[in-house]
Amino acid sequence: MSESSLVKTRLKAGRYEGLLNASSSAPVVEAVHHDRVIGLPEITPMEGHPGHFLLGFDIPAEVLCDGVQTIQLRSSEDGEVLDRITILAGEPLEDDIRAEVEFLREELDLLKRSFRRHCVETGAD
């Protein structure tokens, strides 16, 4: 396992930016979408802060599509995932959320009925 950590500082205008901490030199970081490397983020040393680097990555337009898309930023040395970028978009997502909310409502109704029945059976108020 690598001795690196990555903390996102912002995501703006399709650009991910973060602070990369490494034990010595900057590791090679790759951006992966659907098990395919889609780019190598820019890594710049921070002057006066050994082991600290600024990382920048422009999210490619081709990964933006309906549904949930996840980009992993991982060390190419050992494959350790340092961070994830998750993007939600499109109509299919809206249908998924509505179905999930409906399922949760049904589960809640079932739990309420079961709890009320338990209270009646045990005489609890």
N, C-alpha and C. Protein backbone atom coordinates (compact mmCIF):
# COMPACT_ATOMS: atom_id res chain seq x y z
N MET A 1 0.83 -1.18 0.00
CA MET A 1 0.00 0.00 0.00
C MET A 1 0.88 1.24 0.00
N SER A 2 0.51 2.24 -0.78
CA SER A 2 1.33 3.44 -0.88
C SER A 2 1.13 4.33 0.34
N GLU A 3 2.04 5.24 0.51
CA GLU A 3 2.00 6.19 1.62
C GLU A 3 1.44 7.52 1.14
N SER A 4 0.52 7.51 0.23
CA SER A 4 -0.04 8.73 -0.35
C SER A 4 -1.47 8.93 0.10
N SER A 5 -1.87 10.21 0.18
CA SER A 5 -3.26 10.53 0.44
C SER A 5 -3.63 11.72 -0.43
N LEU A 6 -4.90 11.79 -0.79
CA LEU A 6 -5.39 12.86 -1.65
C LEU A 6 -6.66 13.43 -1.03
N VAL A 7 -6.69 14.75 -0.89
CA VAL A 7 -7.86 15.43 -0.34
C VAL A 7 -8.35 16.42 -1.39
N LYS A 8 -9.61 16.28 -1.78
CA LYS A 8 -10.18 17.20 -2.77
C LYS A 8 -10.30 18.59 -2.15
N THR A 9 -9.87 19.59 -2.89
CA THR A 9 -10.03 20.96 -2.44
C THR A 9 -11.20 21.64 -3.14
N ARG A 10 -11.44 21.26 -4.40
CA ARG A 10 -12.63 21.79 -5.09
C ARG A 10 -12.85 21.07 -6.42
N LEU A 11 -14.06 21.19 -6.89
CA LEU A 11 -14.45 20.71 -8.22
C LEU A 11 -15.22 21.87 -8.84
N LYS A 12 -14.63 22.48 -9.86
CA LYS A 12 -15.24 23.67 -10.46
C LYS A 12 -15.01 23.67 -11.96
N ALA A 13 -16.06 23.93 -12.71
CA ALA A 13 -15.99 24.04 -14.17
C ALA A 13 -15.36 22.80 -14.80
N GLY A 14 -15.68 21.63 -14.24
CA GLY A 14 -15.18 20.38 -14.79
C GLY A 14 -13.75 20.06 -14.44
N ARG A 15 -13.18 20.80 -13.50
CA ARG A 15 -11.80 20.55 -13.08
C ARG A 15 -11.76 20.15 -11.61
N TYR A 16 -11.17 18.98 -11.37
CA TYR A 16 -10.96 18.48 -10.01
C TYR A 16 -9.61 18.99 -9.54
N GLU A 17 -9.57 19.50 -8.30
CA GLU A 17 -8.31 19.95 -7.73
C GLU A 17 -8.19 19.37 -6.33
N GLY A 18 -6.97 18.98 -5.97
CA GLY A 18 -6.76 18.39 -4.66
C GLY A 18 -5.34 18.57 -4.17
N LEU A 19 -5.16 18.22 -2.90
CA LEU A 19 -3.85 18.26 -2.26
C LEU A 19 -3.38 16.83 -2.08
N LEU A 20 -2.25 16.52 -2.67
CA LEU A 20 -1.68 15.18 -2.63
C LEU A 20 -0.50 15.18 -1.66
N ASN A 21 -0.54 14.28 -0.69
CA ASN A 21 0.56 14.11 0.26
C ASN A 21 1.22 12.78 -0.03
N ALA A 22 2.53 12.81 -0.16
CA ALA A 22 3.29 11.59 -0.45
C ALA A 22 4.51 11.56 0.46
N SER A 23 5.00 10.36 0.73
CA SER A 23 6.13 10.22 1.65
C SER A 23 7.41 10.83 1.09
N SER A 24 7.60 10.77 -0.20
CA SER A 24 8.82 11.34 -0.78
C SER A 24 8.49 12.05 -2.08
N SER A 25 8.68 11.37 -3.19
CA SER A 25 8.37 11.99 -4.49
C SER A 25 6.91 11.75 -4.84
N ALA A 26 6.41 12.54 -5.77
CA ALA A 26 5.01 12.42 -6.18
C ALA A 26 4.77 11.10 -6.88
N PRO A 27 3.73 10.37 -6.48
CA PRO A 27 3.42 9.13 -7.19
C PRO A 27 2.77 9.46 -8.54
N VAL A 28 2.77 8.51 -9.43
CA VAL A 28 2.04 8.68 -10.68
C VAL A 28 0.58 8.33 -10.37
N VAL A 29 -0.31 9.27 -10.65
CA VAL A 29 -1.73 9.08 -10.39
C VAL A 29 -2.43 8.97 -11.73
N GLU A 30 -3.35 8.02 -11.83
CA GLU A 30 -4.11 7.86 -13.06
C GLU A 30 -5.60 8.01 -12.76
N ALA A 31 -6.32 8.55 -13.73
CA ALA A 31 -7.77 8.67 -13.64
C ALA A 31 -8.38 7.51 -14.41
N VAL A 32 -9.26 6.76 -13.76
CA VAL A 32 -9.81 5.55 -14.35
C VAL A 32 -11.34 5.62 -14.36
N HIS A 33 -11.93 5.29 -15.51
CA HIS A 33 -13.39 5.23 -15.67
C HIS A 33 -13.71 3.92 -16.37
N HIS A 34 -14.56 3.11 -15.78
CA HIS A 34 -14.91 1.78 -16.33
C HIS A 34 -13.67 0.95 -16.64
N ASP A 35 -12.75 0.89 -15.69
CA ASP A 35 -11.51 0.10 -15.82
C ASP A 35 -10.63 0.52 -16.99
N ARG A 36 -10.78 1.77 -17.43
CA ARG A 36 -9.97 2.30 -18.53
C ARG A 36 -9.32 3.60 -18.08
N VAL A 37 -8.02 3.71 -18.24
CA VAL A 37 -7.32 4.94 -17.88
C VAL A 37 -7.74 6.03 -18.87
N ILE A 38 -8.28 7.13 -18.32
CA ILE A 38 -8.76 8.22 -19.19
C ILE A 38 -7.86 9.45 -19.11
N GLY A 39 -6.84 9.38 -18.27
CA GLY A 39 -5.91 10.51 -18.20
C GLY A 39 -5.01 10.44 -16.99
N LEU A 40 -3.98 11.26 -17.03
CA LEU A 40 -3.05 11.39 -15.91
C LEU A 40 -3.16 12.82 -15.38
N PRO A 41 -3.60 12.98 -14.13
CA PRO A 41 -3.71 14.33 -13.57
C PRO A 41 -2.36 15.03 -13.52
N GLU A 42 -2.42 16.36 -13.58
CA GLU A 42 -1.22 17.19 -13.44
C GLU A 42 -0.83 17.22 -11.97
N ILE A 43 0.44 17.02 -11.66
CA ILE A 43 0.91 17.05 -10.28
C ILE A 43 2.05 18.06 -10.20
N THR A 44 1.88 19.06 -9.33
CA THR A 44 2.85 20.13 -9.18
C THR A 44 3.34 20.19 -7.74
N PRO A 45 4.65 20.17 -7.51
CA PRO A 45 5.17 20.27 -6.14
C PRO A 45 4.82 21.62 -5.52
N MET A 46 4.53 21.63 -4.23
CA MET A 46 4.28 22.87 -3.50
C MET A 46 5.61 23.37 -2.94
N GLU A 47 6.00 24.55 -3.34
CA GLU A 47 7.29 25.11 -2.90
C GLU A 47 7.30 25.27 -1.39
N GLY A 48 8.40 24.84 -0.78
CA GLY A 48 8.55 24.97 0.66
C GLY A 48 7.81 23.92 1.48
N HIS A 49 7.15 22.98 0.80
CA HIS A 49 6.39 21.94 1.50
C HIS A 49 6.75 20.57 0.90
N PRO A 50 7.87 20.00 1.34
CA PRO A 50 8.27 18.70 0.78
C PRO A 50 7.19 17.64 1.04
N GLY A 51 6.95 16.84 0.03
CA GLY A 51 5.95 15.77 0.15
C GLY A 51 4.53 16.22 -0.09
N HIS A 52 4.33 17.50 -0.42
CA HIS A 52 3.00 18.03 -0.70
C HIS A 52 2.94 18.49 -2.16
N PHE A 53 1.86 18.12 -2.82
CA PHE A 53 1.72 18.42 -4.25
C PHE A 53 0.30 18.88 -4.54
N LEU A 54 0.16 19.74 -5.53
CA LEU A 54 -1.15 20.13 -6.03
C LEU A 54 -1.49 19.22 -7.20
N LEU A 55 -2.71 18.71 -7.21
CA LEU A 55 -3.15 17.80 -8.26
C LEU A 55 -4.33 18.44 -8.98
N GLY A 56 -4.30 18.41 -10.30
CA GLY A 56 -5.39 18.95 -11.10
C GLY A 56 -5.76 17.98 -12.21
N PHE A 57 -7.08 17.87 -12.45
CA PHE A 57 -7.55 16.96 -13.50
C PHE A 57 -8.80 17.52 -14.14
N ASP A 58 -8.76 17.70 -15.46
CA ASP A 58 -9.94 18.13 -16.21
C ASP A 58 -10.76 16.90 -16.59
N ILE A 59 -12.01 16.88 -16.16
CA ILE A 59 -12.88 15.74 -16.44
C ILE A 59 -13.24 15.75 -17.92
N PRO A 60 -12.93 14.67 -18.63
CA PRO A 60 -13.23 14.62 -20.07
C PRO A 60 -14.74 14.58 -20.33
N ALA A 61 -15.16 15.26 -21.37
CA ALA A 61 -16.58 15.31 -21.72
C ALA A 61 -17.15 13.93 -22.02
N GLU A 62 -16.34 13.00 -22.52
CA GLU A 62 -16.87 11.69 -22.91
C GLU A 62 -17.36 10.86 -21.74
N VAL A 63 -16.98 11.20 -20.51
CA VAL A 63 -17.50 10.43 -19.36
C VAL A 63 -18.83 10.97 -18.86
N LEU A 64 -19.24 12.12 -19.37
CA LEU A 64 -20.51 12.72 -18.95
C LEU A 64 -21.65 12.14 -19.76
N CYS A 65 -22.48 11.33 -19.10
CA CYS A 65 -23.63 10.73 -19.77
C CYS A 65 -24.67 10.38 -18.72
N ASP A 66 -25.82 9.90 -19.15
CA ASP A 66 -26.91 9.57 -18.24
C ASP A 66 -26.48 8.54 -17.20
N GLY A 67 -27.01 8.71 -16.00
CA GLY A 67 -26.75 7.74 -14.94
C GLY A 67 -25.67 8.21 -13.99
N VAL A 68 -25.10 7.25 -13.30
CA VAL A 68 -24.04 7.52 -12.32
C VAL A 68 -22.70 7.13 -12.92
N GLN A 69 -21.78 8.07 -12.94
CA GLN A 69 -20.44 7.82 -13.47
C GLN A 69 -19.44 8.04 -12.34
N THR A 70 -18.48 7.14 -12.21
CA THR A 70 -17.45 7.27 -11.18
C THR A 70 -16.08 7.23 -11.82
N ILE A 71 -15.27 8.21 -11.46
CA ILE A 71 -13.88 8.26 -11.89
C ILE A 71 -13.03 8.02 -10.65
N GLN A 72 -12.14 7.06 -10.75
CA GLN A 72 -11.22 6.80 -9.64
C GLN A 72 -9.89 7.48 -9.92
N LEU A 73 -9.36 8.14 -8.92
CA LEU A 73 -8.01 8.67 -8.99
C LEU A 73 -7.18 7.72 -8.15
N ARG A 74 -6.29 6.99 -8.81
CA ARG A 74 -5.55 5.95 -8.09
C ARG A 74 -4.07 5.97 -8.43
N SER A 75 -3.30 5.43 -7.49
CA SER A 75 -1.86 5.31 -7.67
C SER A 75 -1.60 4.25 -8.74
N SER A 76 -0.81 4.59 -9.74
CA SER A 76 -0.51 3.59 -10.77
C SER A 76 0.50 2.56 -10.26
N GLU A 77 1.17 2.88 -9.15
CA GLU A 77 2.15 1.97 -8.57
C GLU A 77 1.50 0.72 -8.00
N ASP A 78 0.47 0.91 -7.16
CA ASP A 78 -0.14 -0.24 -6.50
C ASP A 78 -1.66 -0.31 -6.68
N GLY A 79 -2.24 0.63 -7.43
CA GLY A 79 -3.68 0.60 -7.68
C GLY A 79 -4.53 1.12 -6.54
N GLU A 80 -3.91 1.67 -5.49
CA GLU A 80 -4.68 2.19 -4.36
C GLU A 80 -5.53 3.37 -4.82
N VAL A 81 -6.82 3.34 -4.51
CA VAL A 81 -7.72 4.42 -4.86
C VAL A 81 -7.52 5.56 -3.87
N LEU A 82 -7.11 6.71 -4.37
CA LEU A 82 -6.85 7.87 -3.53
C LEU A 82 -8.10 8.74 -3.35
N ASP A 83 -8.94 8.79 -4.37
CA ASP A 83 -10.21 9.53 -4.29
C ASP A 83 -11.11 9.09 -5.44
N ARG A 84 -12.38 9.44 -5.32
CA ARG A 84 -13.36 9.14 -6.36
C ARG A 84 -14.13 10.40 -6.71
N ILE A 85 -14.44 10.54 -7.97
CA ILE A 85 -15.30 11.62 -8.45
C ILE A 85 -16.57 10.94 -8.94
N THR A 86 -17.70 11.28 -8.33
CA THR A 86 -18.97 10.67 -8.72
C THR A 86 -19.84 11.74 -9.36
N ILE A 87 -20.36 11.44 -10.54
CA ILE A 87 -21.19 12.38 -11.29
C ILE A 87 -22.54 11.72 -11.54
N LEU A 88 -23.62 12.44 -11.20
CA LEU A 88 -24.98 11.95 -11.40
C LEU A 88 -25.65 12.85 -12.44
N ALA A 89 -26.25 12.26 -13.46
CA ALA A 89 -26.87 13.09 -14.50
C ALA A 89 -27.93 12.33 -15.26
N GLY A 90 -28.83 13.10 -15.89
CA GLY A 90 -29.75 12.55 -16.86
C GLY A 90 -31.08 12.05 -16.34
N GLU A 91 -31.97 11.74 -17.28
CA GLU A 91 -33.30 11.25 -16.96
C GLU A 91 -33.32 9.89 -16.28
N PRO A 92 -32.51 8.93 -16.72
CA PRO A 92 -32.55 7.63 -16.04
C PRO A 92 -32.32 7.76 -14.54
N LEU A 93 -31.51 8.74 -14.15
CA LEU A 93 -31.26 8.95 -12.74
C LEU A 93 -32.54 9.37 -12.03
N GLU A 94 -33.31 10.25 -12.67
CA GLU A 94 -34.56 10.70 -12.08
C GLU A 94 -35.49 9.52 -11.84
N ASP A 95 -35.59 8.61 -12.79
CA ASP A 95 -36.42 7.42 -12.63
C ASP A 95 -35.89 6.53 -11.51
N ASP A 96 -34.57 6.39 -11.43
CA ASP A 96 -33.97 5.58 -10.36
C ASP A 96 -34.29 6.14 -8.99
N ILE A 97 -34.20 7.46 -8.84
CA ILE A 97 -34.47 8.09 -7.55
C ILE A 97 -35.93 7.92 -7.18
N ARG A 98 -36.83 8.12 -8.14
CA ARG A 98 -38.27 7.95 -7.85
C ARG A 98 -38.57 6.52 -7.43
N ALA A 99 -37.98 5.56 -8.10
CA ALA A 99 -38.20 4.15 -7.74
C ALA A 99 -37.64 3.87 -6.35
N GLU A 100 -36.49 4.42 -6.04
CA GLU A 100 -35.88 4.21 -4.72
C GLU A 100 -36.72 4.84 -3.62
N VAL A 101 -37.24 6.04 -3.85
CA VAL A 101 -38.09 6.69 -2.85
C VAL A 101 -39.36 5.89 -2.64
N GLU A 102 -39.96 5.40 -3.72
CA GLU A 102 -41.16 4.56 -3.60
C GLU A 102 -40.87 3.30 -2.80
N PHE A 103 -39.74 2.67 -3.06
CA PHE A 103 -39.33 1.48 -2.31
C PHE A 103 -39.16 1.80 -0.83
N LEU A 104 -38.51 2.91 -0.53
CA LEU A 104 -38.31 3.31 0.87
C LEU A 104 -39.63 3.60 1.57
N ARG A 105 -40.58 4.21 0.86
CA ARG A 105 -41.91 4.46 1.45
C ARG A 105 -42.61 3.14 1.78
N GLU A 106 -42.52 2.17 0.87
CA GLU A 106 -43.12 0.86 1.12
C GLU A 106 -42.48 0.18 2.33
N GLU A 107 -41.16 0.27 2.43
CA GLU A 107 -40.45 -0.30 3.57
C GLU A 107 -40.86 0.37 4.88
N LEU A 108 -41.00 1.70 4.84
CA LEU A 108 -41.41 2.43 6.04
C LEU A 108 -42.82 2.05 6.46
N ASP A 109 -43.73 1.94 5.50
CA ASP A 109 -45.09 1.51 5.82
C ASP A 109 -45.10 0.12 6.44
N LEU A 110 -44.30 -0.79 5.91
CA LEU A 110 -44.20 -2.14 6.46
C LEU A 110 -43.69 -2.11 7.90
N LEU A 111 -42.66 -1.31 8.14
CA LEU A 111 -42.11 -1.19 9.49
C LEU A 111 -43.13 -0.58 10.46
N LYS A 112 -43.86 0.42 9.99
CA LYS A 112 -44.89 1.04 10.86
C LYS A 112 -45.96 0.02 11.22
N ARG A 113 -46.44 -0.75 10.24
CA ARG A 113 -47.47 -1.76 10.53
C ARG A 113 -46.94 -2.82 11.49
N SER A 114 -45.71 -3.26 11.27
CA SER A 114 -45.11 -4.27 12.15
C SER A 114 -44.93 -3.73 13.56
N PHE A 115 -44.50 -2.50 13.69
CA PHE A 115 -44.30 -1.91 15.00
C PHE A 115 -45.63 -1.75 15.73
N ARG A 116 -46.65 -1.29 15.02
CA ARG A 116 -47.99 -1.14 15.64
C ARG A 116 -48.53 -2.50 16.08
N ARG A 117 -48.36 -3.51 15.26
CA ARG A 117 -48.82 -4.85 15.61
C ARG A 117 -48.06 -5.35 16.85
N HIS A 118 -46.77 -5.11 16.90
CA HIS A 118 -45.97 -5.51 18.07
C HIS A 118 -46.47 -4.80 19.33
N CYS A 119 -46.78 -3.52 19.22
CA CYS A 119 -47.29 -2.77 20.38
C CYS A 119 -48.62 -3.33 20.86
N VAL A 120 -49.52 -3.67 19.94
CA VAL A 120 -50.83 -4.24 20.32
C VAL A 120 -50.64 -5.59 20.98
N GLU A 121 -49.76 -6.44 20.42
CA GLU A 121 -49.55 -7.78 20.95
C GLU A 121 -48.90 -7.77 22.33
N THR A 122 -48.01 -6.81 22.58
CA THR A 122 -47.29 -6.78 23.86
C THR A 122 -47.92 -5.82 24.85
N GLY A 123 -48.94 -5.07 24.44
CA GLY A 123 -49.60 -4.14 25.34
C GLY A 123 -48.78 -2.89 25.60
N ALA A 124 -47.79 -2.64 24.80
CA ALA A 124 -46.96 -1.44 24.96
C ALA A 124 -47.70 -0.23 24.42
N ASP A 125 -47.45 0.92 25.03
CA ASP A 125 -48.09 2.15 24.55
C ASP A 125 -47.24 2.84 23.54
